[in-house]
Amino acid sequence: MKVLLAWLGQTDLDAAADEQRVGRGPIAGAVEDRPFDRLVLLNTYGQDEAARYATWLGGRNGGAPALEIIPVDLPNPVDYEAIYKAAVDAVEAVRL
């Protein structure tokens, strides 16, 4: 099974809001360029923003693969220890 595990980023959200200006964004680009069975996105943004992104991504080129969005609450955006822990936890969960 091919899994894409990524952080949902501002460029991805911007692409969903205005693709003409921003382009397709890194996650959509990866999904369109390579076959994946499952997407797991770590998300530090609001649930509404993530849901809008998921809808946009799913509507592209016949739909995206199975998508799971994992909310992550970081103390601050440069707390590398918390970022590392969230990433490792997500990888371990996907491996099961």
C-alpha atoms as a PDB file:
ATOM      1  CA  MET A   1       0.000   0.000   0.000  1.00  0.00           C
ATOM      2  CA  LYS A   2       1.382   3.419  -0.976  1.00  0.00           C
ATOM      3  CA  VAL A   3       0.740   6.078   1.652  1.00  0.00           C
ATOM      4  CA  LEU A   4       1.432   9.797   1.441  1.00  0.00           C
ATOM      5  CA  LEU A   5       1.964  11.242   4.898  1.00  0.00           C
ATOM      6  CA  ALA A   6       2.303  15.031   4.905  1.00  0.00           C
ATOM      7  CA  TRP A   7       1.618  18.200   6.846  1.00  0.00           C
ATOM      8  CA  LEU A   8      -1.227  20.284   5.445  1.00  0.00           C
ATOM      9  CA  GLY A   9       0.429  23.618   4.742  1.00  0.00           C
ATOM     10  CA  GLN A  10      -0.581  27.171   3.966  1.00  0.00           C
ATOM     11  CA  THR A  11       0.358  26.766   0.299  1.00  0.00           C
ATOM     12  CA  ASP A  12      -2.018  23.790   0.054  1.00  0.00           C
ATOM     13  CA  LEU A  13      -4.845  25.823   1.583  1.00  0.00           C
ATOM     14  CA  ASP A  14      -4.033  28.793  -0.664  1.00  0.00           C
ATOM     15  CA  ALA A  15      -4.117  26.522  -3.727  1.00  0.00           C
ATOM     16  CA  ALA A  16      -7.575  25.287  -2.789  1.00  0.00           C
ATOM     17  CA  ALA A  17      -8.770  28.883  -2.394  1.00  0.00           C
ATOM     18  CA  ASP A  18      -7.205  30.295  -5.586  1.00  0.00           C
ATOM     19  CA  GLU A  19      -5.486  27.735  -7.792  1.00  0.00           C
ATOM     20  CA  GLN A  20      -5.153  30.175 -10.687  1.00  0.00           C
ATOM     21  CA  ARG A  21      -2.901  32.413  -8.585  1.00  0.00           C
ATOM     22  CA  VAL A  22      -1.075  29.822  -6.452  1.00  0.00           C
ATOM     23  CA  GLY A  23      -0.980  26.665  -8.549  1.00  0.00           C
ATOM     24  CA  ARG A  24      -2.067  23.243  -7.395  1.00  0.00           C
ATOM     25  CA  GLY A  25       0.061  23.088  -4.230  1.00  0.00           C
ATOM     26  CA  PRO A  26       2.472  20.397  -3.065  1.00  0.00           C
ATOM     27  CA  ILE A  27      -0.003  17.791  -1.804  1.00  0.00           C
ATOM     28  CA  ALA A  28      -2.285  17.976  -4.847  1.00  0.00           C
ATOM     29  CA  GLY A  29       0.801  17.884  -7.055  1.00  0.00           C
ATOM     30  CA  ALA A  30       2.041  14.720  -5.412  1.00  0.00           C
ATOM     31  CA  VAL A  31      -1.391  13.073  -5.607  1.00  0.00           C
ATOM     32  CA  GLU A  32      -1.758  13.942  -9.280  1.00  0.00           C
ATOM     33  CA  ASP A  33       1.778  12.887 -10.199  1.00  0.00           C
ATOM     34  CA  ARG A  34       2.010   9.613  -8.271  1.00  0.00           C
ATOM     35  CA  PRO A  35      -0.419   6.853  -7.345  1.00  0.00           C
ATOM     36  CA  PHE A  36      -1.294   6.628  -3.645  1.00  0.00           C
ATOM     37  CA  ASP A  37      -3.741   4.325  -1.916  1.00  0.00           C
ATOM     38  CA  ARG A  38      -4.075   6.512   1.149  1.00  0.00           C
ATOM     39  CA  LEU A  39      -3.370  10.078   2.248  1.00  0.00           C
ATOM     40  CA  VAL A  40      -2.683  10.965   5.857  1.00  0.00           C
ATOM     41  CA  LEU A  41      -2.453  14.697   6.486  1.00  0.00           C
ATOM     42  CA  LEU A  42      -1.343  16.221   9.749  1.00  0.00           C
ATOM     43  CA  ASN A  43      -3.249  19.442  10.335  1.00  0.00           C
ATOM     44  CA  THR A  44      -2.537  22.397  12.619  1.00  0.00           C
ATOM     45  CA  TYR A  45      -5.205  24.571  10.984  1.00  0.00           C
ATOM     46  CA  GLY A  46      -8.909  24.648  11.849  1.00  0.00           C
ATOM     47  CA  GLN A  47     -11.191  21.735  11.068  1.00  0.00           C
ATOM     48  CA  ASP A  48     -13.221  23.860   8.642  1.00  0.00           C
ATOM     49  CA  GLU A  49     -10.123  24.757   6.606  1.00  0.00           C
ATOM     50  CA  ALA A  50      -9.034  21.121   6.511  1.00  0.00           C
ATOM     51  CA  ALA A  51     -12.521  20.008   5.458  1.00  0.00           C
ATOM     52  CA  ARG A  52     -12.603  22.574   2.627  1.00  0.00           C
ATOM     53  CA  TYR A  53      -9.212  21.354   1.481  1.00  0.00           C
ATOM     54  CA  ALA A  54     -10.325  17.711   1.587  1.00  0.00           C
ATOM     55  CA  THR A  55     -13.399  18.556  -0.511  1.00  0.00           C
ATOM     56  CA  TRP A  56     -11.278  20.476  -3.033  1.00  0.00           C
ATOM     57  CA  LEU A  57      -8.679  17.715  -3.245  1.00  0.00           C
ATOM     58  CA  GLY A  58     -11.315  15.015  -3.599  1.00  0.00           C
ATOM     59  CA  GLY A  59     -12.936  16.862  -6.492  1.00  0.00           C
ATOM     60  CA  ARG A  60      -9.772  16.948  -8.602  1.00  0.00           C
ATOM     61  CA  ASN A  61      -9.250  14.551 -11.503  1.00  0.00           C
ATOM     62  CA  GLY A  62     -11.757  11.937 -10.441  1.00  0.00           C
ATOM     63  CA  GLY A  63     -11.090  12.119  -6.723  1.00  0.00           C
ATOM     64  CA  ALA A  64      -8.274  11.589  -4.297  1.00  0.00           C
ATOM     65  CA  PRO A  65      -7.390   8.323  -2.556  1.00  0.00           C
ATOM     66  CA  ALA A  66      -8.692   7.571   0.921  1.00  0.00           C
ATOM     67  CA  LEU A  67      -7.960  10.607   3.073  1.00  0.00           C
ATOM     68  CA  GLU A  68      -7.418  10.881   6.812  1.00  0.00           C
ATOM     69  CA  ILE A  69      -6.788  14.223   8.490  1.00  0.00           C
ATOM     70  CA  ILE A  70      -5.119  14.110  11.887  1.00  0.00           C
ATOM     71  CA  PRO A  71      -5.503  17.272  13.952  1.00  0.00           C
ATOM     72  CA  VAL A  72      -2.286  18.318  15.708  1.00  0.00           C
ATOM     73  CA  ASP A  73      -2.134  20.938  18.449  1.00  0.00           C
ATOM     74  CA  LEU A  74       1.337  22.438  18.648  1.00  0.00           C
ATOM     75  CA  PRO A  75       2.383  24.794  21.479  1.00  0.00           C
ATOM     76  CA  ASN A  76       3.964  26.996  18.780  1.00  0.00           C
ATOM     77  CA  PRO A  77       4.801  26.500  15.094  1.00  0.00           C
ATOM     78  CA  VAL A  78       8.530  26.025  15.733  1.00  0.00           C
ATOM     79  CA  ASP A  79       8.300  23.571  18.626  1.00  0.00           C
ATOM     80  CA  TYR A  80      10.450  20.987  16.880  1.00  0.00           C
ATOM     81  CA  GLU A  81      10.116  18.427  19.634  1.00  0.00           C
ATOM     82  CA  ALA A  82       6.309  18.516  19.385  1.00  0.00           C
ATOM     83  CA  ILE A  83       6.475  18.459  15.577  1.00  0.00           C
ATOM     84  CA  TYR A  84       8.782  15.441  15.667  1.00  0.00           C
ATOM     85  CA  LYS A  85       6.556  13.614  18.159  1.00  0.00           C
ATOM     86  CA  ALA A  86       3.423  14.254  16.095  1.00  0.00           C
ATOM     87  CA  ALA A  87       5.155  13.040  12.935  1.00  0.00           C
ATOM     88  CA  VAL A  88       6.517   9.885  14.589  1.00  0.00           C
ATOM     89  CA  ASP A  89       3.122   9.123  16.155  1.00  0.00           C
ATOM     90  CA  ALA A  90       1.460   9.471  12.740  1.00  0.00           C
ATOM     91  CA  VAL A  91       3.991   7.206  11.062  1.00  0.00           C
ATOM     92  CA  GLU A  92       3.567   4.591  13.774  1.00  0.00           C
ATOM     93  CA  ALA A  93      -0.243   4.751  13.449  1.00  0.00           C
ATOM     94  CA  VAL A  94      -0.010   4.306   9.667  1.00  0.00           C
ATOM     95  CA  ARG A  95       2.319   1.357  10.016  1.00  0.00           C
ATOM     96  CA  LEU A  96      -0.216  -0.594  12.100  1.00  0.00           C
END
